[in-house]
Amino acid sequence: MTQQGAALQNYNNELVKCIEDLCIKRDELNKQIRLEEEEKVKLQNEIRLLTEKLARINENLARKMASRNEFDKTIAETEAAYMKILESSQTLLNVLKKEAGNLTKATDTKSSVTKES
């Protein structure tokens, strides 16, 4: 019977030791879980901040692109109007030269008629 009691005591000691080992492993696992949950919260916060920053950048880009498009439109319209002014100036210069030539011919013709008389 003492042998059986000793065996029972050994089994009990081993059982207690196994339970203690399991508790230690569970505590280590709980610590790892807590650390990873903290990391998860940190990463989620960083993602939220980066998402907000990305949204702000996208809004700024959209505004700047719209402004650039307005600049492009204004420049194109201004260049087109300027080309029309240049064409009109050239046309006016050609008409003026032609009229000046006609006036010179008319004046020269009158001068020659007056001299011949």
C-alpha atoms as a PDB file:
ATOM      1  CA  MET A   1       0.000   0.000   0.000  1.00  0.00           C
ATOM      2  CA  THR A   2       2.859   2.378   0.696  1.00  0.00           C
ATOM      3  CA  GLN A   3       4.069   1.690  -2.783  1.00  0.00           C
ATOM      4  CA  GLN A   4       0.668   2.590  -4.165  1.00  0.00           C
ATOM      5  CA  GLY A   5       0.601   5.714  -2.005  1.00  0.00           C
ATOM      6  CA  ALA A   6       4.043   6.692  -3.244  1.00  0.00           C
ATOM      7  CA  ALA A   7       2.963   6.100  -6.862  1.00  0.00           C
ATOM      8  CA  LEU A   8      -0.163   8.152  -6.249  1.00  0.00           C
ATOM      9  CA  GLN A   9       1.961  10.918  -4.746  1.00  0.00           C
ATOM     10  CA  ASN A  10       4.271  10.843  -7.815  1.00  0.00           C
ATOM     11  CA  TYR A  11       1.288  11.022 -10.174  1.00  0.00           C
ATOM     12  CA  ASN A  12      -0.127  13.893  -8.157  1.00  0.00           C
ATOM     13  CA  ASN A  13       3.193  15.767  -8.246  1.00  0.00           C
ATOM     14  CA  GLU A  14       3.487  15.240 -12.015  1.00  0.00           C
ATOM     15  CA  LEU A  15      -0.101  16.339 -12.516  1.00  0.00           C
ATOM     16  CA  VAL A  16       0.466  19.526 -10.511  1.00  0.00           C
ATOM     17  CA  LYS A  17       3.700  20.173 -12.456  1.00  0.00           C
ATOM     18  CA  CYS A  18       1.887  19.696 -15.804  1.00  0.00           C
ATOM     19  CA  ILE A  19      -0.892  22.058 -14.730  1.00  0.00           C
ATOM     20  CA  GLU A  20       1.701  24.659 -13.647  1.00  0.00           C
ATOM     21  CA  ASP A  21       3.507  24.296 -16.988  1.00  0.00           C
ATOM     22  CA  LEU A  22       0.220  24.749 -18.868  1.00  0.00           C
ATOM     23  CA  CYS A  23      -0.563  27.848 -16.795  1.00  0.00           C
ATOM     24  CA  ILE A  24       2.878  29.304 -17.591  1.00  0.00           C
ATOM     25  CA  LYS A  25       2.398  28.635 -21.318  1.00  0.00           C
ATOM     26  CA  ARG A  26      -1.089  30.165 -21.193  1.00  0.00           C
ATOM     27  CA  ASP A  27       0.299  33.293 -19.462  1.00  0.00           C
ATOM     28  CA  GLU A  28       3.028  33.603 -22.121  1.00  0.00           C
ATOM     29  CA  LEU A  29       0.427  33.234 -24.829  1.00  0.00           C
ATOM     30  CA  ASN A  30      -1.776  35.863 -23.145  1.00  0.00           C
ATOM     31  CA  LYS A  31       1.200  38.235 -23.088  1.00  0.00           C
ATOM     32  CA  GLN A  32       1.820  37.639 -26.810  1.00  0.00           C
ATOM     33  CA  ILE A  33      -1.886  38.181 -27.548  1.00  0.00           C
ATOM     34  CA  ARG A  34      -1.871  41.459 -25.595  1.00  0.00           C
ATOM     35  CA  LEU A  35       1.234  42.672 -27.442  1.00  0.00           C
ATOM     36  CA  GLU A  36      -0.221  41.768 -30.827  1.00  0.00           C
ATOM     37  CA  GLU A  37      -3.530  43.430 -29.971  1.00  0.00           C
ATOM     38  CA  GLU A  38      -1.636  46.591 -29.025  1.00  0.00           C
ATOM     39  CA  GLU A  39       0.291  46.388 -32.303  1.00  0.00           C
ATOM     40  CA  LYS A  40      -2.986  45.868 -34.166  1.00  0.00           C
ATOM     41  CA  VAL A  41      -4.522  48.977 -32.574  1.00  0.00           C
ATOM     42  CA  LYS A  42      -1.376  50.946 -33.382  1.00  0.00           C
ATOM     43  CA  LEU A  43      -1.423  49.804 -37.012  1.00  0.00           C
ATOM     44  CA  GLN A  44      -5.135  50.521 -37.363  1.00  0.00           C
ATOM     45  CA  ASN A  45      -4.526  54.028 -36.059  1.00  0.00           C
ATOM     46  CA  GLU A  46      -1.657  54.542 -38.517  1.00  0.00           C
ATOM     47  CA  ILE A  47      -3.872  53.271 -41.337  1.00  0.00           C
ATOM     48  CA  ARG A  48      -6.613  55.697 -40.308  1.00  0.00           C
ATOM     49  CA  LEU A  49      -4.148  58.597 -40.222  1.00  0.00           C
ATOM     50  CA  LEU A  50      -2.649  57.629 -43.574  1.00  0.00           C
ATOM     51  CA  THR A  51      -6.122  57.231 -45.093  1.00  0.00           C
ATOM     52  CA  GLU A  52      -7.065  60.711 -43.892  1.00  0.00           C
ATOM     53  CA  LYS A  53      -3.804  62.111 -45.249  1.00  0.00           C
ATOM     54  CA  LEU A  54      -4.391  60.382 -48.584  1.00  0.00           C
ATOM     55  CA  ALA A  55      -7.900  61.850 -48.762  1.00  0.00           C
ATOM     56  CA  ARG A  56      -6.536  65.361 -48.100  1.00  0.00           C
ATOM     57  CA  ILE A  57      -3.848  64.915 -50.761  1.00  0.00           C
ATOM     58  CA  ASN A  58      -6.418  63.650 -53.265  1.00  0.00           C
ATOM     59  CA  GLU A  59      -8.631  66.677 -52.576  1.00  0.00           C
ATOM     60  CA  ASN A  60      -5.672  69.053 -52.984  1.00  0.00           C
ATOM     61  CA  LEU A  61      -4.651  67.326 -56.205  1.00  0.00           C
ATOM     62  CA  ALA A  62      -8.180  67.580 -57.589  1.00  0.00           C
ATOM     63  CA  ARG A  63      -8.307  71.320 -56.809  1.00  0.00           C
ATOM     64  CA  LYS A  64      -4.873  71.926 -58.300  1.00  0.00           C
ATOM     65  CA  MET A  65      -5.694  69.938 -61.434  1.00  0.00           C
ATOM     66  CA  ALA A  66      -8.919  71.921 -61.875  1.00  0.00           C
ATOM     67  CA  SER A  67      -6.922  75.155 -61.497  1.00  0.00           C
ATOM     68  CA  ARG A  68      -4.347  73.936 -63.998  1.00  0.00           C
ATOM     69  CA  ASN A  69      -7.132  73.109 -66.454  1.00  0.00           C
ATOM     70  CA  GLU A  70      -8.494  76.643 -66.029  1.00  0.00           C
ATOM     71  CA  PHE A  71      -4.999  78.036 -66.698  1.00  0.00           C
ATOM     72  CA  ASP A  72      -4.732  75.861 -69.816  1.00  0.00           C
ATOM     73  CA  LYS A  73      -8.139  77.056 -71.036  1.00  0.00           C
ATOM     74  CA  THR A  74      -7.326  80.725 -70.372  1.00  0.00           C
ATOM     75  CA  ILE A  75      -3.932  80.432 -72.067  1.00  0.00           C
ATOM     76  CA  ALA A  76      -5.463  78.719 -75.110  1.00  0.00           C
ATOM     77  CA  GLU A  77      -8.207  81.355 -75.403  1.00  0.00           C
ATOM     78  CA  THR A  78      -5.701  84.190 -74.966  1.00  0.00           C
ATOM     79  CA  GLU A  79      -3.341  82.740 -77.561  1.00  0.00           C
ATOM     80  CA  ALA A  80      -6.219  82.308 -80.020  1.00  0.00           C
ATOM     81  CA  ALA A  81      -7.352  85.909 -79.476  1.00  0.00           C
ATOM     82  CA  TYR A  82      -3.775  87.138 -79.849  1.00  0.00           C
ATOM     83  CA  MET A  83      -3.417  85.264 -83.153  1.00  0.00           C
ATOM     84  CA  LYS A  84      -6.602  86.946 -84.393  1.00  0.00           C
ATOM     85  CA  ILE A  85      -5.156  90.329 -83.406  1.00  0.00           C
ATOM     86  CA  LEU A  86      -1.943  89.528 -85.286  1.00  0.00           C
ATOM     87  CA  GLU A  87      -3.910  88.446 -88.367  1.00  0.00           C
ATOM     88  CA  SER A  88      -6.035  91.599 -88.197  1.00  0.00           C
ATOM     89  CA  SER A  89      -2.921  93.755 -87.797  1.00  0.00           C
ATOM     90  CA  GLN A  90      -1.334  92.090 -90.811  1.00  0.00           C
ATOM     91  CA  THR A  91      -4.502  92.579 -92.857  1.00  0.00           C
ATOM     92  CA  LEU A  92      -4.706  96.233 -91.763  1.00  0.00           C
ATOM     93  CA  LEU A  93      -1.051  96.784 -92.671  1.00  0.00           C
ATOM     94  CA  ASN A  94      -1.580  95.246 -96.131  1.00  0.00           C
ATOM     95  CA  VAL A  95      -4.672  97.393 -96.741  1.00  0.00           C
ATOM     96  CA  LEU A  96      -2.829 100.511 -95.567  1.00  0.00           C
ATOM     97  CA  LYS A  97       0.149  99.809 -97.839  1.00  0.00           C
ATOM     98  CA  LYS A  98      -2.172  99.247-100.804  1.00  0.00           C
ATOM     99  CA  GLU A  99      -4.081 102.475-100.095  1.00  0.00           C
ATOM    100  CA  ALA A 100      -0.832 104.383 -99.611  1.00  0.00           C
ATOM    101  CA  GLY A 101       0.371 103.033-102.937  1.00  0.00           C
ATOM    102  CA  ASN A 102      -2.889 104.057-104.627  1.00  0.00           C
ATOM    103  CA  LEU A 103      -2.659 107.556-103.099  1.00  0.00           C
ATOM    104  CA  THR A 104       0.942 107.876-104.216  1.00  0.00           C
ATOM    105  CA  LYS A 105      -0.012 106.862-107.775  1.00  0.00           C
ATOM    106  CA  ALA A 106      -2.916 109.298-107.754  1.00  0.00           C
ATOM    107  CA  THR A 107      -0.704 112.095-106.462  1.00  0.00           C
ATOM    108  CA  ASP A 108       2.018 111.276-108.976  1.00  0.00           C
ATOM    109  CA  THR A 109      -0.551 111.256-111.804  1.00  0.00           C
ATOM    110  CA  LYS A 110      -1.930 114.685-110.755  1.00  0.00           C
ATOM    111  CA  SER A 111       1.603 116.081-110.463  1.00  0.00           C
ATOM    112  CA  SER A 112       2.512 114.897-113.936  1.00  0.00           C
ATOM    113  CA  VAL A 113      -0.718 116.318-115.405  1.00  0.00           C
ATOM    114  CA  THR A 114      -0.052 119.678-113.708  1.00  0.00           C
ATOM    115  CA  LYS A 115       3.548 119.768-114.958  1.00  0.00           C
ATOM    116  CA  GLU A 116       2.493 118.985-118.524  1.00  0.00           C
ATOM    117  CA  SER A 117       0.037 121.814-118.594  1.00  0.00           C
END
